[in-house]
PDB file of N, CA and C in Angstrom:
ATOM      1  N   MET A   1       4.768  60.190  -6.282  1.00  0.00           N
ATOM      2  CA  MET A   1       4.258  58.870  -6.820  1.00  0.00           C
ATOM      3  C   MET A   1       2.789  59.001  -7.650  1.00  0.00           C
ATOM      4  N   THR A   2       2.971  57.626  -8.163  1.00  0.00           N
ATOM      5  CA  THR A   2       1.277  57.680  -8.794  1.00  0.00           C
ATOM      6  C   THR A   2       0.420  57.197  -7.559  1.00  0.00           C
ATOM      7  N   PRO A   3      -0.333  57.487  -7.368  1.00  0.00           N
ATOM      8  CA  PRO A   3      -1.942  57.459  -7.367  1.00  0.00           C
ATOM      9  C   PRO A   3      -2.083  56.111  -7.035  1.00  0.00           C
ATOM     10  N   ASP A   4      -2.434  55.319  -5.798  1.00  0.00           N
ATOM     11  CA  ASP A   4      -3.419  54.080  -5.853  1.00  0.00           C
ATOM     12  C   ASP A   4      -4.652  54.686  -6.082  1.00  0.00           C
ATOM     13  N   ILE A   5      -5.398  53.463  -6.824  1.00  0.00           N
ATOM     14  CA  ILE A   5      -6.315  54.632  -7.509  1.00  0.00           C
ATOM     15  C   ILE A   5      -7.422  53.199  -6.729  1.00  0.00           C
ATOM     16  N   ASN A   6      -7.238  52.440  -5.789  1.00  0.00           N
ATOM     17  CA  ASN A   6      -7.906  52.313  -5.057  1.00  0.00           C
ATOM     18  C   ASN A   6      -8.097  52.446  -3.584  1.00  0.00           C
ATOM     19  N   ASP A   7      -7.156  53.418  -3.477  1.00  0.00           N
ATOM     20  CA  ASP A   7      -7.029  54.051  -2.244  1.00  0.00           C
ATOM     21  C   ASP A   7      -5.970  54.918  -2.331  1.00  0.00           C
ATOM     22  N   PRO A   8      -7.349  56.274  -2.577  1.00  0.00           N
ATOM     23  CA  PRO A   8      -6.498  57.297  -3.176  1.00  0.00           C
ATOM     24  C   PRO A   8      -5.977  58.233  -1.111  1.00  0.00           C
ATOM     25  N   LYS A   9      -6.416  57.431  -0.283  1.00  0.00           N
ATOM     26  CA  LYS A   9      -5.911  58.065   0.826  1.00  0.00           C
ATOM     27  C   LYS A   9      -4.678  58.110   1.366  1.00  0.00           C
ATOM     28  N   GLY A  10      -4.619  56.152   0.578  1.00  0.00           N
ATOM     29  CA  GLY A  10      -3.377  55.661   1.558  1.00  0.00           C
ATOM     30  C   GLY A  10      -3.904  54.587   2.911  1.00  0.00           C
ATOM     31  N   ARG A  11      -5.108  54.514   2.798  1.00  0.00           N
ATOM     32  CA  ARG A  11      -5.670  53.278   3.880  1.00  0.00           C
ATOM     33  C   ARG A  11      -5.126  52.495   3.414  1.00  0.00           C
ATOM     34  N   ARG A  12      -4.588  51.282   3.703  1.00  0.00           N
ATOM     35  CA  ARG A  12      -4.878  50.226   3.798  1.00  0.00           C
ATOM     36  C   ARG A  12      -5.823  49.758   4.771  1.00  0.00           C
ATOM     37  N   LYS A  13      -6.861  47.980   3.749  1.00  0.00           N
ATOM     38  CA  LYS A  13      -8.091  47.931   4.456  1.00  0.00           C
ATOM     39  C   LYS A  13      -7.675  46.675   5.238  1.00  0.00           C
ATOM     40  N   ARG A  14      -6.455  45.805   4.479  1.00  0.00           N
ATOM     41  CA  ARG A  14      -6.379  44.416   5.071  1.00  0.00           C
ATOM     42  C   ARG A  14      -4.726  44.488   5.634  1.00  0.00           C
ATOM     43  N   LYS A  15      -4.242  43.502   6.313  1.00  0.00           N
ATOM     44  CA  LYS A  15      -3.117  43.321   6.885  1.00  0.00           C
ATOM     45  C   LYS A  15      -2.352  43.022   6.239  1.00  0.00           C
ATOM     46  N   ARG A  16      -0.691  43.122   5.650  1.00  0.00           N
ATOM     47  CA  ARG A  16      -0.370  42.877   4.452  1.00  0.00           C
ATOM     48  C   ARG A  16       1.335  41.911   5.095  1.00  0.00           C
ATOM     49  N   ILE A  17       1.559  41.059   4.550  1.00  0.00           N
ATOM     50  CA  ILE A  17       2.437  40.877   5.184  1.00  0.00           C
ATOM     51  C   ILE A  17       3.802  40.790   3.461  1.00  0.00           C
ATOM     52  N   HIS A  18       5.191  40.695   4.830  1.00  0.00           N
ATOM     53  CA  HIS A  18       6.436  40.797   4.071  1.00  0.00           C
ATOM     54  C   HIS A  18       6.558  39.409   2.834  1.00  0.00           C
ATOM     55  N   PHE A  19       6.578  39.337   1.382  1.00  0.00           N
ATOM     56  CA  PHE A  19       6.366  37.823   1.716  1.00  0.00           C
ATOM     57  C   PHE A  19       6.859  37.457   0.404  1.00  0.00           C
ATOM     58  N   ILE A  20       8.625  37.207  -0.011  1.00  0.00           N
ATOM     59  CA  ILE A  20       9.229  37.169  -0.984  1.00  0.00           C
ATOM     60  C   ILE A  20       8.819  35.996  -1.881  1.00  0.00           C
ATOM     61  N   THR A  21       8.536  36.042  -3.038  1.00  0.00           N
ATOM     62  CA  THR A  21       8.089  34.876  -4.306  1.00  0.00           C
ATOM     63  C   THR A  21       7.701  35.134  -5.284  1.00  0.00           C
ATOM     64  N   GLU A  22       7.138  33.500  -6.069  1.00  0.00           N
ATOM     65  CA  GLU A  22       6.779  34.396  -8.401  1.00  0.00           C
ATOM     66  C   GLU A  22       5.986  34.831  -7.802  1.00  0.00           C
ATOM     67  N   ILE A  23       5.519  35.769  -9.154  1.00  0.00           N
ATOM     68  CA  ILE A  23       4.629  35.141  -9.391  1.00  0.00           C
ATOM     69  C   ILE A  23       4.749  35.219 -11.051  1.00  0.00           C
ATOM     70  N   VAL A  24       3.246  35.361 -11.864  1.00  0.00           N
ATOM     71  CA  VAL A  24       2.493  34.192 -13.396  1.00  0.00           C
ATOM     72  C   VAL A  24       2.469  35.790 -14.084  1.00  0.00           C
ATOM     73  N   ILE A  25       2.552  36.305 -14.204  1.00  0.00           N
ATOM     74  CA  ILE A  25       1.230  37.453 -15.199  1.00  0.00           C
ATOM     75  C   ILE A  25       1.387  37.026 -16.790  1.00  0.00           C
ATOM     76  N   ASN A  26      -0.718  36.678 -17.084  1.00  0.00           N
ATOM     77  CA  ASN A  26      -1.007  37.067 -18.088  1.00  0.00           C
ATOM     78  C   ASN A  26      -1.268  38.215 -17.819  1.00  0.00           C
ATOM     79  N   HIS A  27      -1.053  38.760 -19.081  1.00  0.00           N
ATOM     80  CA  HIS A  27      -2.224  40.187 -19.593  1.00  0.00           C
ATOM     81  C   HIS A  27      -1.647  40.061 -20.982  1.00  0.00           C
ATOM     82  N   GLY A  28      -3.206  40.251 -22.221  1.00  0.00           N
ATOM     83  CA  GLY A  28      -3.851  40.536 -23.045  1.00  0.00           C
ATOM     84  C   GLY A  28      -2.433  39.131 -23.507  1.00  0.00           C
ATOM     85  N   GLY A  29      -1.994  37.697 -23.510  1.00  0.00           N
ATOM     86  CA  GLY A  29      -1.518  36.619 -24.720  1.00  0.00           C
ATOM     87  C   GLY A  29      -0.307  37.374 -24.059  1.00  0.00           C
ATOM     88  N   GLN A  30       1.048  38.259 -22.994  1.00  0.00           N
ATOM     89  CA  GLN A  30       1.562  38.154 -22.817  1.00  0.00           C
ATOM     90  C   GLN A  30       2.146  37.093 -21.322  1.00  0.00           C
ATOM     91  N   ILE A  31       2.908  36.495 -21.575  1.00  0.00           N
ATOM     92  CA  ILE A  31       2.926  35.891 -20.417  1.00  0.00           C
ATOM     93  C   ILE A  31       4.044  36.205 -19.202  1.00  0.00           C
ATOM     94  N   THR A  32       4.044  36.845 -18.342  1.00  0.00           N
ATOM     95  CA  THR A  32       5.759  36.672 -17.734  1.00  0.00           C
ATOM     96  C   THR A  32       6.079  37.023 -16.234  1.00  0.00           C
ATOM     97  N   VAL A  33       7.221  36.392 -15.898  1.00  0.00           N
ATOM     98  CA  VAL A  33       7.115  36.029 -15.181  1.00  0.00           C
ATOM     99  C   VAL A  33       7.893  37.165 -14.539  1.00  0.00           C
ATOM    100  N   TYR A  34       7.876  36.974 -12.778  1.00  0.00           N
ATOM    101  CA  TYR A  34       8.241  37.933 -11.451  1.00  0.00           C
ATOM    102  C   TYR A  34       8.608  37.249 -10.641  1.00  0.00           C
ATOM    103  N   LYS A  35      10.177  37.537  -9.977  1.00  0.00           N
ATOM    104  CA  LYS A  35      10.351  36.906  -9.193  1.00  0.00           C
ATOM    105  C   LYS A  35      10.291  37.227  -7.776  1.00  0.00           C
ATOM    106  N   ARG A  36      10.001  38.707  -7.667  1.00  0.00           N
ATOM    107  CA  ARG A  36       9.983  39.303  -6.514  1.00  0.00           C
ATOM    108  C   ARG A  36       8.559  39.753  -6.200  1.00  0.00           C
ATOM    109  N   THR A  37       8.279  39.202  -5.497  1.00  0.00           N
ATOM    110  CA  THR A  37       7.076  40.127  -4.922  1.00  0.00           C
ATOM    111  C   THR A  37       6.736  40.479  -2.904  1.00  0.00           C
ATOM    112  N   HIS A  38       6.388  41.945  -2.713  1.00  0.00           N
ATOM    113  CA  HIS A  38       6.772  42.190  -1.529  1.00  0.00           C
ATOM    114  C   HIS A  38       4.453  42.384  -1.244  1.00  0.00           C
ATOM    115  N   ASP A  39       4.927  42.539   0.220  1.00  0.00           N
ATOM    116  CA  ASP A  39       3.121  42.884   1.242  1.00  0.00           C
ATOM    117  C   ASP A  39       2.452  42.443   0.611  1.00  0.00           C
ATOM    118  N   ILE A  40       2.114  41.700   0.347  1.00  0.00           N
ATOM    119  CA  ILE A  40       0.493  40.250   0.136  1.00  0.00           C
ATOM    120  C   ILE A  40      -0.304  40.312   1.249  1.00  0.00           C
ATOM    121  N   SER A  41      -1.474  40.830   0.929  1.00  0.00           N
ATOM    122  CA  SER A  41      -2.234  40.566   1.710  1.00  0.00           C
ATOM    123  C   SER A  41      -4.013  39.853   0.703  1.00  0.00           C
ATOM    124  N   MET A  42      -4.822  39.973   1.141  1.00  0.00           N
ATOM    125  CA  MET A  42      -5.480  39.141   0.572  1.00  0.00           C
ATOM    126  C   MET A  42      -6.588  40.159  -0.036  1.00  0.00           C
ATOM    127  N   ASN A  43      -6.272  41.293  -0.607  1.00  0.00           N
ATOM    128  CA  ASN A  43      -6.063  42.223  -1.430  1.00  0.00           C
ATOM    129  C   ASN A  43      -5.888  41.960  -2.397  1.00  0.00           C
ATOM    130  N   GLY A  44      -4.209  41.626  -2.198  1.00  0.00           N
ATOM    131  CA  GLY A  44      -3.436  42.207  -3.973  1.00  0.00           C
ATOM    132  C   GLY A  44      -2.356  41.894  -3.676  1.00  0.00           C
ATOM    133  N   VAL A  45      -1.031  42.624  -3.803  1.00  0.00           N
ATOM    134  CA  VAL A  45      -0.190  42.092  -3.836  1.00  0.00           C
ATOM    135  C   VAL A  45       1.340  43.186  -4.469  1.00  0.00           C
ATOM    136  N   PHE A  46       2.398  43.355  -4.443  1.00  0.00           N
ATOM    137  CA  PHE A  46       3.369  44.407  -4.800  1.00  0.00           C
ATOM    138  C   PHE A  46       4.658  43.267  -5.554  1.00  0.00           C
ATOM    139  N   VAL A  47       4.641  43.857  -6.904  1.00  0.00           N
ATOM    140  CA  VAL A  47       5.497  43.197  -7.723  1.00  0.00           C
ATOM    141  C   VAL A  47       6.983  43.665  -7.899  1.00  0.00           C
ATOM    142  N   SER A  48       7.815  43.906  -7.586  1.00  0.00           N
ATOM    143  CA  SER A  48       9.310  44.823  -8.308  1.00  0.00           C
ATOM    144  C   SER A  48       9.893  44.579  -9.302  1.00  0.00           C
ATOM    145  N   THR A  49       9.289  45.231 -10.291  1.00  0.00           N
ATOM    146  CA  THR A  49       9.344  45.417 -11.328  1.00  0.00           C
ATOM    147  C   THR A  49      10.230  46.821 -12.149  1.00  0.00           C
ATOM    148  N   ALA A  50      11.066  46.826 -13.221  1.00  0.00           N
ATOM    149  CA  ALA A  50      11.553  48.308 -13.658  1.00  0.00           C
ATOM    150  C   ALA A  50      10.681  48.034 -14.374  1.00  0.00           C
ATOM    151  N   LYS A  51      10.186  48.016 -15.705  1.00  0.00           N
ATOM    152  CA  LYS A  51       8.779  47.554 -16.308  1.00  0.00           C
ATOM    153  C   LYS A  51       7.419  47.182 -15.509  1.00  0.00           C
ATOM    154  N   PRO A  52       7.132  48.613 -14.982  1.00  0.00           N
ATOM    155  CA  PRO A  52       5.535  47.671 -14.645  1.00  0.00           C
ATOM    156  C   PRO A  52       4.789  47.729 -15.387  1.00  0.00           C
ATOM    157  N   LEU A  53       3.734  47.109 -15.460  1.00  0.00           N
ATOM    158  CA  LEU A  53       1.989  47.317 -17.208  1.00  0.00           C
ATOM    159  C   LEU A  53       1.479  49.171 -16.109  1.00  0.00           C
ATOM    160  N   PRO A  54       1.154  49.275 -17.633  1.00  0.00           N
ATOM    161  CA  PRO A  54       0.067  50.593 -17.092  1.00  0.00           C
ATOM    162  C   PRO A  54      -0.613  50.876 -15.927  1.00  0.00           C
ATOM    163  N   LEU A  55      -0.885  50.952 -15.384  1.00  0.00           N
ATOM    164  CA  LEU A  55      -2.234  51.524 -14.829  1.00  0.00           C
ATOM    165  C   LEU A  55      -3.940  51.168 -14.800  1.00  0.00           C
ATOM    166  N   GLY A  56      -4.864  50.154 -14.213  1.00  0.00           N
ATOM    167  CA  GLY A  56      -5.773  50.379 -14.660  1.00  0.00           C
ATOM    168  C   GLY A  56      -5.808  49.020 -15.973  1.00  0.00           C
ATOM    169  N   SER A  57      -4.611  48.274 -15.937  1.00  0.00           N
ATOM    170  CA  SER A  57      -3.993  47.250 -16.861  1.00  0.00           C
ATOM    171  C   SER A  57      -4.631  46.044 -15.943  1.00  0.00           C
ATOM    172  N   GLU A  58      -4.900  44.609 -16.964  1.00  0.00           N
ATOM    173  CA  GLU A  58      -6.089  43.569 -16.217  1.00  0.00           C
ATOM    174  C   GLU A  58      -5.321  42.413 -16.573  1.00  0.00           C
ATOM    175  N   GLY A  59      -5.358  41.380 -15.992  1.00  0.00           N
ATOM    176  CA  GLY A  59      -5.169  39.857 -16.581  1.00  0.00           C
ATOM    177  C   GLY A  59      -5.414  38.984 -15.256  1.00  0.00           C
ATOM    178  N   ASP A  60      -4.881  37.445 -15.316  1.00  0.00           N
ATOM    179  CA  ASP A  60      -4.655  36.805 -14.500  1.00  0.00           C
ATOM    180  C   ASP A  60      -3.011  36.390 -13.993  1.00  0.00           C
ATOM    181  N   PHE A  61      -3.554  36.211 -12.954  1.00  0.00           N
ATOM    182  CA  PHE A  61      -1.725  35.313 -12.323  1.00  0.00           C
ATOM    183  C   PHE A  61      -2.658  34.483 -11.451  1.00  0.00           C
ATOM    184  N   SER A  62      -0.803  33.770 -11.158  1.00  0.00           N
ATOM    185  CA  SER A  62      -0.540  32.485 -10.546  1.00  0.00           C
ATOM    186  C   SER A  62       0.538  32.800  -9.820  1.00  0.00           C
ATOM    187  N   LEU A  63       0.319  32.861  -8.380  1.00  0.00           N
ATOM    188  CA  LEU A  63       1.283  33.264  -7.487  1.00  0.00           C
ATOM    189  C   LEU A  63       1.918  32.251  -7.059  1.00  0.00           C
ATOM    190  N   ILE A  64       3.195  31.371  -7.300  1.00  0.00           N
ATOM    191  CA  ILE A  64       3.761  30.729  -7.122  1.00  0.00           C
ATOM    192  C   ILE A  64       4.205  30.531  -5.300  1.00  0.00           C
ATOM    193  N   LEU A  65       4.164  29.481  -4.605  1.00  0.00           N
ATOM    194  CA  LEU A  65       4.384  29.472  -3.304  1.00  0.00           C
ATOM    195  C   LEU A  65       5.314  28.190  -3.467  1.00  0.00           C
ATOM    196  N   SER A  66       6.219  27.697  -2.251  1.00  0.00           N
ATOM    197  CA  SER A  66       6.372  27.380  -1.559  1.00  0.00           C
ATOM    198  C   SER A  66       6.351  26.738  -0.491  1.00  0.00           C
ATOM    199  N   VAL A  67       5.710  25.220  -0.386  1.00  0.00           N
ATOM    200  CA  VAL A  67       5.220  25.116   1.518  1.00  0.00           C
ATOM    201  C   VAL A  67       5.898  23.407   1.588  1.00  0.00           C
ATOM    202  N   GLY A  68       6.492  23.332   2.125  1.00  0.00           N
ATOM    203  CA  GLY A  68       7.138  22.920   2.757  1.00  0.00           C
ATOM    204  C   GLY A  68       7.989  22.133   0.839  1.00  0.00           C
ATOM    205  N   MET A  69       8.270  20.567   0.951  1.00  0.00           N
ATOM    206  CA  MET A  69       8.593  20.093   0.190  1.00  0.00           C
ATOM    207  C   MET A  69       7.757  19.987  -2.051  1.00  0.00           C
ATOM    208  N   ARG A  70       6.293  21.068  -1.396  1.00  0.00           N
ATOM    209  CA  ARG A  70       5.180  21.751  -2.387  1.00  0.00           C
ATOM    210  C   ARG A  70       5.086  22.388  -2.722  1.00  0.00           C
ATOM    211  N   ARG A  71       4.737  22.553  -3.781  1.00  0.00           N
ATOM    212  CA  ARG A  71       4.361  23.919  -4.672  1.00  0.00           C
ATOM    213  C   ARG A  71       3.067  24.453  -4.596  1.00  0.00           C
ATOM    214  N   GLU A  72       2.893  25.187  -3.720  1.00  0.00           N
ATOM    215  CA  GLU A  72       0.594  25.235  -4.433  1.00  0.00           C
ATOM    216  C   GLU A  72       0.655  27.311  -4.976  1.00  0.00           C
ATOM    217  N   GLN A  73      -0.116  26.939  -5.906  1.00  0.00           N
ATOM    218  CA  GLN A  73      -0.784  28.102  -6.571  1.00  0.00           C
ATOM    219  C   GLN A  73      -1.792  28.951  -6.287  1.00  0.00           C
ATOM    220  N   ILE A  74      -1.799  29.666  -5.837  1.00  0.00           N
ATOM    221  CA  ILE A  74      -3.157  30.599  -6.060  1.00  0.00           C
ATOM    222  C   ILE A  74      -3.216  31.482  -7.346  1.00  0.00           C
ATOM    223  N   ASN A  75      -4.448  31.053  -7.551  1.00  0.00           N
ATOM    224  CA  ASN A  75      -4.459  31.290  -9.454  1.00  0.00           C
ATOM    225  C   ASN A  75      -6.234  32.858  -9.459  1.00  0.00           C
ATOM    226  N   GLY A  76      -5.582  33.988  -9.699  1.00  0.00           N
ATOM    227  CA  GLY A  76      -7.034  34.999 -10.121  1.00  0.00           C
ATOM    228  C   GLY A  76      -6.932  35.636 -11.271  1.00  0.00           C
ATOM    229  N   ARG A  77      -7.983  36.392 -11.213  1.00  0.00           N
ATOM    230  CA  ARG A  77      -7.562  37.955 -11.817  1.00  0.00           C
ATOM    231  C   ARG A  77      -6.976  39.135 -11.129  1.00  0.00           C
ATOM    232  N   PHE A  78      -6.530  40.443 -11.918  1.00  0.00           N
ATOM    233  CA  PHE A  78      -6.231  41.419 -10.786  1.00  0.00           C
ATOM    234  C   PHE A  78      -6.232  42.689 -12.025  1.00  0.00           C
ATOM    235  N   ILE A  79      -5.838  43.911 -11.615  1.00  0.00           N
ATOM    236  CA  ILE A  79      -5.853  45.093 -12.244  1.00  0.00           C
ATOM    237  C   ILE A  79      -4.696  46.060 -11.160  1.00  0.00           C
ATOM    238  N   VAL A  80      -4.042  46.365 -12.607  1.00  0.00           N
ATOM    239  CA  VAL A  80      -3.582  47.544 -11.028  1.00  0.00           C
ATOM    240  C   VAL A  80      -3.600  48.052 -11.088  1.00  0.00           C
ATOM    241  N   ALA A  81      -3.512  48.515  -9.645  1.00  0.00           N
ATOM    242  CA  ALA A  81      -4.281  49.393  -9.030  1.00  0.00           C
ATOM    243  C   ALA A  81      -3.027  51.180  -9.385  1.00  0.00           C
ATOM    244  N   ARG A  82      -1.630  50.400  -8.760  1.00  0.00           N
ATOM    245  CA  ARG A  82      -0.680  51.577  -8.314  1.00  0.00           C
ATOM    246  C   ARG A  82       0.772  51.221  -9.109  1.00  0.00           C
ATOM    247  N   VAL A  83       1.506  52.042  -8.940  1.00  0.00           N
ATOM    248  CA  VAL A  83       2.437  52.218 -10.345  1.00  0.00           C
ATOM    249  C   VAL A  83       3.751  53.113  -9.966  1.00  0.00           C
ATOM    250  N   ILE A  84       4.583  52.064  -9.457  1.00  0.00           N
ATOM    251  CA  ILE A  84       6.345  53.085  -9.368  1.00  0.00           C
ATOM    252  C   ILE A  84       6.522  52.779  -9.903  1.00  0.00           C
ATOM    253  N   SER A  85       7.291  54.085 -10.390  1.00  0.00           N
ATOM    254  CA  SER A  85       8.691  53.729 -11.553  1.00  0.00           C
ATOM    255  C   SER A  85       9.754  54.223 -11.120  1.00  0.00           C
ATOM    256  N   MET A  86      10.417  53.440 -12.071  1.00  0.00           N
ATOM    257  CA  MET A  86      11.750  53.398 -12.103  1.00  0.00           C
ATOM    258  C   MET A  86      12.495  54.825 -11.025  1.00  0.00           C
ATOM    259  N   ASP A  87      12.238  56.182 -11.517  1.00  0.00           N
ATOM    260  CA  ASP A  87      12.752  56.985 -10.802  1.00  0.00           C
ATOM    261  C   ASP A  87      11.806  57.121  -9.652  1.00  0.00           C
ATOM    262  N   GLU A  88      11.429  57.131  -9.204  1.00  0.00           N
ATOM    263  CA  GLU A  88      10.204  57.133  -8.005  1.00  0.00           C
ATOM    264  C   GLU A  88      10.730  55.634  -6.874  1.00  0.00           C
ATOM    265  N   GLY A  89      11.082  55.133  -7.490  1.00  0.00           N
ATOM    266  CA  GLY A  89      11.465  53.186  -7.022  1.00  0.00           C
ATOM    267  C   GLY A  89      12.287  53.390  -6.498  1.00  0.00           C
ATOM    268  N   LEU A  90      13.667  54.979  -6.708  1.00  0.00           N
ATOM    269  CA  LEU A  90      14.921  55.338  -5.910  1.00  0.00           C
ATOM    270  C   LEU A  90      14.846  55.602  -4.721  1.00  0.00           C
ATOM    271  N   SER A  91      13.966  56.028  -3.915  1.00  0.00           N
ATOM    272  CA  SER A  91      13.364  56.395  -3.586  1.00  0.00           C
ATOM    273  C   SER A  91      12.269  55.344  -1.913  1.00  0.00           C
ATOM    274  N   GLU A  92      12.067  54.171  -3.055  1.00  0.00           N
ATOM    275  CA  GLU A  92      11.547  54.078  -1.666  1.00  0.00           C
ATOM    276  C   GLU A  92      12.636  52.059  -2.009  1.00  0.00           C
ATOM    277  N   PRO A  93      12.899  52.906  -0.349  1.00  0.00           N
ATOM    278  CA  PRO A  93      14.161  51.237  -0.416  1.00  0.00           C
ATOM    279  C   PRO A  93      13.513  50.192  -0.028  1.00  0.00           C
ATOM    280  N   GLU A  94      12.852  50.058   0.432  1.00  0.00           N
ATOM    281  CA  GLU A  94      11.113  49.201   1.054  1.00  0.00           C
ATOM    282  C   GLU A  94      11.285  48.063  -0.455  1.00  0.00           C
ATOM    283  N   GLN A  95      10.521  48.951  -1.181  1.00  0.00           N
ATOM    284  CA  GLN A  95       9.568  48.077  -2.494  1.00  0.00           C
ATOM    285  C   GLN A  95      10.591  48.505  -3.399  1.00  0.00           C
ATOM    286  N   GLY A  96      10.400  49.593  -4.017  1.00  0.00           N
ATOM    287  CA  GLY A  96      11.523  49.718  -5.445  1.00  0.00           C
ATOM    288  C   GLY A  96      10.392  49.742  -6.189  1.00  0.00           C
ATOM    289  N   PRO A  97      11.351  50.581  -7.474  1.00  0.00           N
ATOM    290  CA  PRO A  97      10.112  50.093  -8.331  1.00  0.00           C
ATOM    291  C   PRO A  97       8.985  49.305  -8.730  1.00  0.00           C
ATOM    292  N   GLY A  98       8.270  49.415  -9.157  1.00  0.00           N
ATOM    293  CA  GLY A  98       7.000  47.680  -9.223  1.00  0.00           C
ATOM    294  C   GLY A  98       5.773  47.990  -9.725  1.00  0.00           C
ATOM    295  N   MET A  99       4.682  47.532  -9.370  1.00  0.00           N
ATOM    296  CA  MET A  99       3.025  47.778  -9.628  1.00  0.00           C
ATOM    297  C   MET A  99       2.732  47.314  -8.446  1.00  0.00           C
ATOM    298  N   GLY A 100       1.172  48.159  -8.029  1.00  0.00           N
ATOM    299  CA  GLY A 100       0.517  47.745  -7.264  1.00  0.00           C
ATOM    300  C   GLY A 100      -0.579  46.104  -7.540  1.00  0.00           C
ATOM    301  N   LEU A 101      -0.505  45.425  -7.276  1.00  0.00           N
ATOM    302  CA  LEU A 101      -1.766  44.594  -8.116  1.00  0.00           C
ATOM    303  C   LEU A 101      -2.829  44.536  -7.099  1.00  0.00           C
ATOM    304  N   LYS A 102      -4.023  44.739  -7.304  1.00  0.00           N
ATOM    305  CA  LYS A 102      -5.490  44.447  -7.039  1.00  0.00           C
ATOM    306  C   LYS A 102      -6.323  42.938  -7.620  1.00  0.00           C
ATOM    307  N   PHE A 103      -6.261  42.418  -6.297  1.00  0.00           N
ATOM    308  CA  PHE A 103      -6.711  40.627  -6.716  1.00  0.00           C
ATOM    309  C   PHE A 103      -8.612  41.284  -6.811  1.00  0.00           C
ATOM    310  N   THR A 104      -8.905  41.063  -7.970  1.00  0.00           N
ATOM    311  CA  THR A 104     -10.303  41.247  -8.021  1.00  0.00           C
ATOM    312  C   THR A 104     -11.059  39.447  -8.499  1.00  0.00           C
ATOM    313  N   GLY A 105     -10.756  38.968  -8.479  1.00  0.00           N
ATOM    314  CA  GLY A 105     -10.437  36.996  -8.380  1.00  0.00           C
ATOM    315  C   GLY A 105     -10.162  36.254  -7.826  1.00  0.00           C
ATOM    316  N   ILE A 106     -10.101  35.686  -7.156  1.00  0.00           N
ATOM    317  CA  ILE A 106      -9.336  34.095  -6.499  1.00  0.00           C
ATOM    318  C   ILE A 106     -10.298  33.059  -6.991  1.00  0.00           C
ATOM    319  N   ASP A 107      -9.160  32.135  -7.582  1.00  0.00           N
ATOM    320  CA  ASP A 107     -10.357  30.673  -7.426  1.00  0.00           C
ATOM    321  C   ASP A 107     -10.385  30.084  -5.661  1.00  0.00           C
ATOM    322  N   PRO A 108     -11.720  29.760  -5.633  1.00  0.00           N
ATOM    323  CA  PRO A 108     -11.762  29.962  -4.767  1.00  0.00           C
ATOM    324  C   PRO A 108     -11.537  29.090  -3.139  1.00  0.00           C
ATOM    325  N   ASP A 109     -10.860  27.145  -3.793  1.00  0.00           N
ATOM    326  CA  ASP A 109     -10.017  26.711  -3.216  1.00  0.00           C
ATOM    327  C   ASP A 109      -8.429  27.760  -2.739  1.00  0.00           C
ATOM    328  N   ALA A 110      -8.089  28.137  -3.420  1.00  0.00           N
ATOM    329  CA  ALA A 110      -6.537  29.108  -3.614  1.00  0.00           C
ATOM    330  C   ALA A 110      -7.243  30.501  -2.277  1.00  0.00           C
ATOM    331  N   SER A 111      -8.235  30.812  -2.791  1.00  0.00           N
ATOM    332  CA  SER A 111      -8.239  31.877  -0.986  1.00  0.00           C
ATOM    333  C   SER A 111      -8.674  31.454   0.071  1.00  0.00           C
ATOM    334  N   GLU A 112      -8.484  30.937   0.626  1.00  0.00           N
ATOM    335  CA  GLU A 112      -7.644  29.523   1.739  1.00  0.00           C
ATOM    336  C   GLU A 112      -6.521  29.776   2.202  1.00  0.00           C
ATOM    337  N   LEU A 113      -5.972  28.981   0.758  1.00  0.00           N
ATOM    338  CA  LEU A 113      -4.551  29.176   1.479  1.00  0.00           C
ATOM    339  C   LEU A 113      -3.832  30.334   1.405  1.00  0.00           C
ATOM    340  N   LEU A 114      -3.781  31.091   0.206  1.00  0.00           N
ATOM    341  CA  LEU A 114      -3.849  32.746   0.444  1.00  0.00           C
ATOM    342  C   LEU A 114      -4.078  33.375   1.958  1.00  0.00           C
ATOM    343  N   TYR A 115      -5.463  33.271   3.014  1.00  0.00           N
ATOM    344  CA  TYR A 115      -6.209  33.273   3.966  1.00  0.00           C
ATOM    345  C   TYR A 115      -5.094  33.238   5.460  1.00  0.00           C
ATOM    346  N   ASN A 116      -4.167  31.590   5.191  1.00  0.00           N
ATOM    347  CA  ASN A 116      -3.658  30.776   5.824  1.00  0.00           C
ATOM    348  C   ASN A 116      -1.538  31.912   5.628  1.00  0.00           C
ATOM    349  N   LEU A 117      -1.733  32.255   4.479  1.00  0.00           N
ATOM    350  CA  LEU A 117      -0.315  32.095   3.949  1.00  0.00           C
ATOM    351  C   LEU A 117      -0.586  34.342   4.998  1.00  0.00           C
ATOM    352  N   VAL A 118      -1.402  34.385   5.276  1.00  0.00           N
ATOM    353  CA  VAL A 118      -1.175  35.905   5.299  1.00  0.00           C
ATOM    354  C   VAL A 118      -1.382  36.460   6.966  1.00  0.00           C
ATOM    355  N   LEU A 119      -2.361  34.925   7.910  1.00  0.00           N
ATOM    356  CA  LEU A 119      -2.447  34.675   8.643  1.00  0.00           C
ATOM    357  C   LEU A 119      -1.508  34.075   9.651  1.00  0.00           C
ATOM    358  N   TYR A 120      -0.376  33.345   9.319  1.00  0.00           N
ATOM    359  CA  TYR A 120       0.645  32.872   9.993  1.00  0.00           C
ATOM    360  C   TYR A 120       1.533  33.196   9.443  1.00  0.00           C
ATOM    361  N   ASN A 121       1.790  34.429   8.010  1.00  0.00           N
ATOM    362  CA  ASN A 121       3.520  35.011   8.438  1.00  0.00           C
ATOM    363  C   ASN A 121       2.790  36.539   9.253  1.00  0.00           C
ATOM    364  N   GLN A 122       1.668  36.521   9.754  1.00  0.00           N
ATOM    365  CA  GLN A 122       1.870  38.135  10.597  1.00  0.00           C
ATOM    366  C   GLN A 122       3.214  38.338  11.422  1.00  0.00           C
ATOM    367  N   PRO A 123       3.526  39.439  10.971  1.00  0.00           N
ATOM    368  CA  PRO A 123       4.820  39.601  12.750  1.00  0.00           C
ATOM    369  C   PRO A 123       3.736  39.220  13.508  1.00  0.00           C
ATOM    370  N   ASP A 124       4.777  39.281  14.439  1.00  0.00           N
ATOM    371  CA  ASP A 124       4.241  38.987  16.243  1.00  0.00           C
ATOM    372  C   ASP A 124       4.838  40.557  17.324  1.00  0.00           C
TER     373      ASP A 124
END
C-alpha cells in the first residue's frame, strides 16, 4: 500500500465519518466527477476510483451534498495525500482503490457546513 504522505505512522488526527457522496475535481483544467466518497473529515476525504491522480497532485474540489431537498457544495483546494492502486484496493474491502485527498483550503462558509456534516453523522 502506498503510504499517506501526511500521516506516515497511520495516525489520524480528526474523526472521520462514512459518507457516500459525489465530488467534482478540477486538476490541471481537467474536470472529473467521482460518484463515491468515504471517510470524510475536516481534513479530507477518500475518493473511490480505479484511476486515482498521482500522489502530490493538487487542484480544486466541490463536494456535493444533498441536504433534504437542497444541494449544498463544499468548495476548496486539495492535495492527493494517499493512493491505493487497483491491485492494492482488492484487499481493501471497505474502500477499494482510490485516493485520499487532503483539504488545503475550504471556503469559509463551507467550513461550517463540513463541520456540521462530520459532527452530526458520527456513529453513536
